[in-house]
Amino acid sequence: MVDVSQHELVPEHTVLDDAALEGVLEEYGIKRTDLPKIKASDPALPETAEEGDVIQITRQSRTTDTATVYRLVIE
């Protein structure tokens, strides 16, 4: 079976710890539930990701070197 999360076109997905998450939420002035969602069944998620976690996705960008987005894991 192929591990989709390791494909070269899949951007890096990282589970944020509580300290980093608080910094992100404070920076944007939002609550965790205001973040866009990602399903727990998404094959690109790290194996350690659980419902309620926030994932940092870092992808390559043509206009900036990298673009970082955040997603809340839902069931």
N, C-alpha and C. Protein backbone atom coordinates (compact mmCIF):
# COMPACT_ATOMS: atom_id res chain seq x y z
N MET A 1 0.84 -1.17 0.00
CA MET A 1 0.00 0.00 0.00
C MET A 1 0.90 1.25 0.00
N VAL A 2 0.45 2.30 -0.64
CA VAL A 2 1.21 3.54 -0.76
C VAL A 2 0.86 4.49 0.37
N ASP A 3 1.89 5.10 0.97
CA ASP A 3 1.68 6.10 2.02
C ASP A 3 1.59 7.46 1.34
N VAL A 4 0.36 7.96 1.16
CA VAL A 4 0.12 9.20 0.45
C VAL A 4 0.81 10.38 1.12
N SER A 5 0.90 10.37 2.43
CA SER A 5 1.49 11.50 3.15
C SER A 5 2.96 11.71 2.81
N GLN A 6 3.62 10.72 2.25
CA GLN A 6 5.04 10.83 1.92
C GLN A 6 5.28 11.23 0.46
N HIS A 7 4.21 11.44 -0.31
CA HIS A 7 4.36 11.84 -1.71
C HIS A 7 4.96 13.23 -1.81
N GLU A 8 5.78 13.47 -2.81
CA GLU A 8 6.48 14.74 -2.96
C GLU A 8 5.55 15.94 -3.16
N LEU A 9 4.34 15.73 -3.63
CA LEU A 9 3.40 16.83 -3.86
C LEU A 9 2.54 17.17 -2.65
N VAL A 10 2.60 16.34 -1.61
CA VAL A 10 1.82 16.59 -0.39
C VAL A 10 2.63 17.52 0.51
N PRO A 11 2.06 18.69 0.87
CA PRO A 11 2.81 19.61 1.73
C PRO A 11 2.99 19.04 3.14
N GLU A 12 3.91 19.63 3.88
CA GLU A 12 4.21 19.17 5.23
C GLU A 12 3.04 19.47 6.17
N HIS A 13 2.59 18.45 6.90
CA HIS A 13 1.51 18.57 7.88
C HIS A 13 2.10 18.32 9.26
N THR A 14 1.91 19.25 10.19
CA THR A 14 2.45 19.12 11.54
C THR A 14 1.37 19.41 12.57
N VAL A 15 1.28 18.59 13.60
CA VAL A 15 0.34 18.83 14.69
C VAL A 15 0.94 19.91 15.59
N LEU A 16 0.18 20.98 15.85
CA LEU A 16 0.66 22.06 16.71
C LEU A 16 0.51 21.69 18.17
N ASP A 17 1.51 22.05 18.97
CA ASP A 17 1.37 21.86 20.41
C ASP A 17 0.58 23.03 20.99
N ASP A 18 0.17 22.93 22.24
CA ASP A 18 -0.71 23.95 22.84
C ASP A 18 -0.09 25.34 22.86
N ALA A 19 1.21 25.43 23.13
CA ALA A 19 1.86 26.75 23.19
C ALA A 19 1.87 27.42 21.82
N ALA A 20 2.21 26.66 20.78
CA ALA A 20 2.23 27.22 19.42
C ALA A 20 0.81 27.59 18.98
N LEU A 21 -0.16 26.76 19.34
CA LEU A 21 -1.55 27.03 18.97
C LEU A 21 -2.04 28.32 19.60
N GLU A 22 -1.74 28.52 20.87
CA GLU A 22 -2.17 29.76 21.55
C GLU A 22 -1.59 30.98 20.85
N GLY A 23 -0.34 30.89 20.41
CA GLY A 23 0.29 31.99 19.70
C GLY A 23 -0.41 32.30 18.39
N VAL A 24 -0.78 31.26 17.66
CA VAL A 24 -1.47 31.43 16.37
C VAL A 24 -2.85 32.05 16.59
N LEU A 25 -3.60 31.52 17.54
CA LEU A 25 -4.94 32.03 17.80
C LEU A 25 -4.89 33.49 18.25
N GLU A 26 -3.92 33.82 19.08
CA GLU A 26 -3.77 35.20 19.55
C GLU A 26 -3.36 36.13 18.41
N GLU A 27 -2.45 35.66 17.56
CA GLU A 27 -1.98 36.48 16.43
C GLU A 27 -3.13 36.86 15.51
N TYR A 28 -4.02 35.92 15.23
CA TYR A 28 -5.13 36.17 14.31
C TYR A 28 -6.40 36.62 15.01
N GLY A 29 -6.43 36.59 16.34
CA GLY A 29 -7.61 37.01 17.08
C GLY A 29 -8.82 36.15 16.82
N ILE A 30 -8.60 34.82 16.80
CA ILE A 30 -9.69 33.89 16.51
C ILE A 30 -9.74 32.80 17.58
N LYS A 31 -10.81 31.98 17.51
CA LYS A 31 -10.94 30.80 18.35
C LYS A 31 -10.59 29.58 17.52
N ARG A 32 -10.29 28.49 18.19
CA ARG A 32 -9.96 27.24 17.49
C ARG A 32 -11.05 26.85 16.49
N THR A 33 -12.31 27.03 16.86
CA THR A 33 -13.42 26.62 16.00
C THR A 33 -13.60 27.53 14.78
N ASP A 34 -12.91 28.67 14.75
CA ASP A 34 -12.98 29.56 13.59
C ASP A 34 -12.07 29.09 12.44
N LEU A 35 -11.17 28.17 12.73
CA LEU A 35 -10.24 27.68 11.71
C LEU A 35 -10.96 26.83 10.67
N PRO A 36 -10.43 26.81 9.43
CA PRO A 36 -10.97 25.88 8.43
C PRO A 36 -10.78 24.45 8.94
N LYS A 37 -11.57 23.52 8.43
CA LYS A 37 -11.58 22.15 8.93
C LYS A 37 -10.86 21.20 7.98
N ILE A 38 -10.39 20.09 8.55
CA ILE A 38 -9.83 18.98 7.77
C ILE A 38 -10.32 17.69 8.43
N LYS A 39 -10.76 16.74 7.63
CA LYS A 39 -11.29 15.49 8.18
C LYS A 39 -10.17 14.60 8.73
N ALA A 40 -10.47 13.92 9.81
CA ALA A 40 -9.49 13.02 10.44
C ALA A 40 -9.11 11.89 9.49
N SER A 41 -9.95 11.60 8.52
CA SER A 41 -9.67 10.52 7.57
C SER A 41 -8.78 10.97 6.41
N ASP A 42 -8.39 12.24 6.37
CA ASP A 42 -7.53 12.73 5.29
C ASP A 42 -6.20 11.97 5.32
N PRO A 43 -5.82 11.36 4.21
CA PRO A 43 -4.61 10.53 4.22
C PRO A 43 -3.31 11.31 4.41
N ALA A 44 -3.33 12.62 4.25
CA ALA A 44 -2.11 13.42 4.40
C ALA A 44 -1.81 13.75 5.86
N LEU A 45 -2.77 13.54 6.75
CA LEU A 45 -2.56 13.87 8.17
C LEU A 45 -1.52 12.95 8.81
N PRO A 46 -0.76 13.49 9.76
CA PRO A 46 0.16 12.63 10.51
C PRO A 46 -0.64 11.59 11.30
N GLU A 47 -0.03 10.45 11.54
CA GLU A 47 -0.72 9.37 12.26
C GLU A 47 -1.11 9.78 13.67
N THR A 48 -0.40 10.74 14.25
CA THR A 48 -0.67 11.16 15.63
C THR A 48 -1.82 12.16 15.72
N ALA A 49 -2.33 12.64 14.59
CA ALA A 49 -3.40 13.64 14.59
C ALA A 49 -4.71 13.02 15.08
N GLU A 50 -5.36 13.74 15.98
CA GLU A 50 -6.64 13.30 16.52
C GLU A 50 -7.67 14.41 16.36
N GLU A 51 -8.93 14.05 16.49
CA GLU A 51 -10.00 15.04 16.42
C GLU A 51 -9.75 16.13 17.46
N GLY A 52 -9.86 17.40 17.04
CA GLY A 52 -9.64 18.52 17.93
C GLY A 52 -8.25 19.13 17.82
N ASP A 53 -7.31 18.39 17.21
CA ASP A 53 -5.96 18.93 17.01
C ASP A 53 -5.98 19.99 15.93
N VAL A 54 -4.98 20.86 15.95
CA VAL A 54 -4.81 21.85 14.89
C VAL A 54 -3.55 21.47 14.13
N ILE A 55 -3.68 21.44 12.80
CA ILE A 55 -2.60 21.04 11.92
C ILE A 55 -2.04 22.28 11.22
N GLN A 56 -0.72 22.39 11.21
CA GLN A 56 -0.05 23.44 10.45
C GLN A 56 0.39 22.82 9.13
N ILE A 57 -0.04 23.42 8.02
CA ILE A 57 0.31 22.92 6.69
C ILE A 57 1.22 23.97 6.04
N THR A 58 2.42 23.54 5.67
CA THR A 58 3.39 24.43 5.06
C THR A 58 3.62 23.98 3.62
N ARG A 59 3.26 24.84 2.67
CA ARG A 59 3.43 24.49 1.26
C ARG A 59 4.29 25.51 0.54
N GLN A 60 4.84 25.10 -0.57
CA GLN A 60 5.61 25.99 -1.41
C GLN A 60 4.67 26.98 -2.09
N SER A 61 5.16 28.19 -2.30
CA SER A 61 4.34 29.24 -2.92
C SER A 61 5.16 29.95 -3.99
N ARG A 62 4.49 30.34 -5.07
CA ARG A 62 5.18 31.08 -6.13
C ARG A 62 5.42 32.53 -5.75
N THR A 63 4.54 33.09 -4.94
CA THR A 63 4.67 34.51 -4.59
C THR A 63 5.49 34.74 -3.32
N THR A 64 5.46 33.79 -2.42
CA THR A 64 6.34 33.82 -1.24
C THR A 64 7.02 32.46 -1.22
N ASP A 65 8.09 32.34 -0.51
CA ASP A 65 8.79 31.05 -0.50
C ASP A 65 7.91 29.93 0.03
N THR A 66 7.22 30.21 1.15
CA THR A 66 6.31 29.21 1.72
C THR A 66 5.03 29.89 2.18
N ALA A 67 3.98 29.11 2.21
CA ALA A 67 2.70 29.58 2.73
C ALA A 67 2.28 28.63 3.85
N THR A 68 1.86 29.20 4.97
CA THR A 68 1.44 28.39 6.12
C THR A 68 -0.03 28.61 6.38
N VAL A 69 -0.77 27.50 6.50
CA VAL A 69 -2.20 27.55 6.82
C VAL A 69 -2.45 26.60 7.98
N TYR A 70 -3.58 26.79 8.64
CA TYR A 70 -3.92 25.98 9.80
C TYR A 70 -5.29 25.37 9.59
N ARG A 71 -5.47 24.12 10.05
CA ARG A 71 -6.73 23.40 9.92
C ARG A 71 -7.06 22.70 11.24
N LEU A 72 -8.33 22.70 11.58
CA LEU A 72 -8.83 21.99 12.76
C LEU A 72 -9.29 20.60 12.31
N VAL A 73 -8.80 19.56 12.98
CA VAL A 73 -9.16 18.19 12.64
C VAL A 73 -10.54 17.88 13.20
N ILE A 74 -11.44 17.44 12.30
CA ILE A 74 -12.78 17.02 12.70
C ILE A 74 -12.99 15.57 12.30
N GLU A 75 -14.03 14.96 12.84
CA GLU A 75 -14.30 13.55 12.53
C GLU A 75 -14.83 13.35 11.16
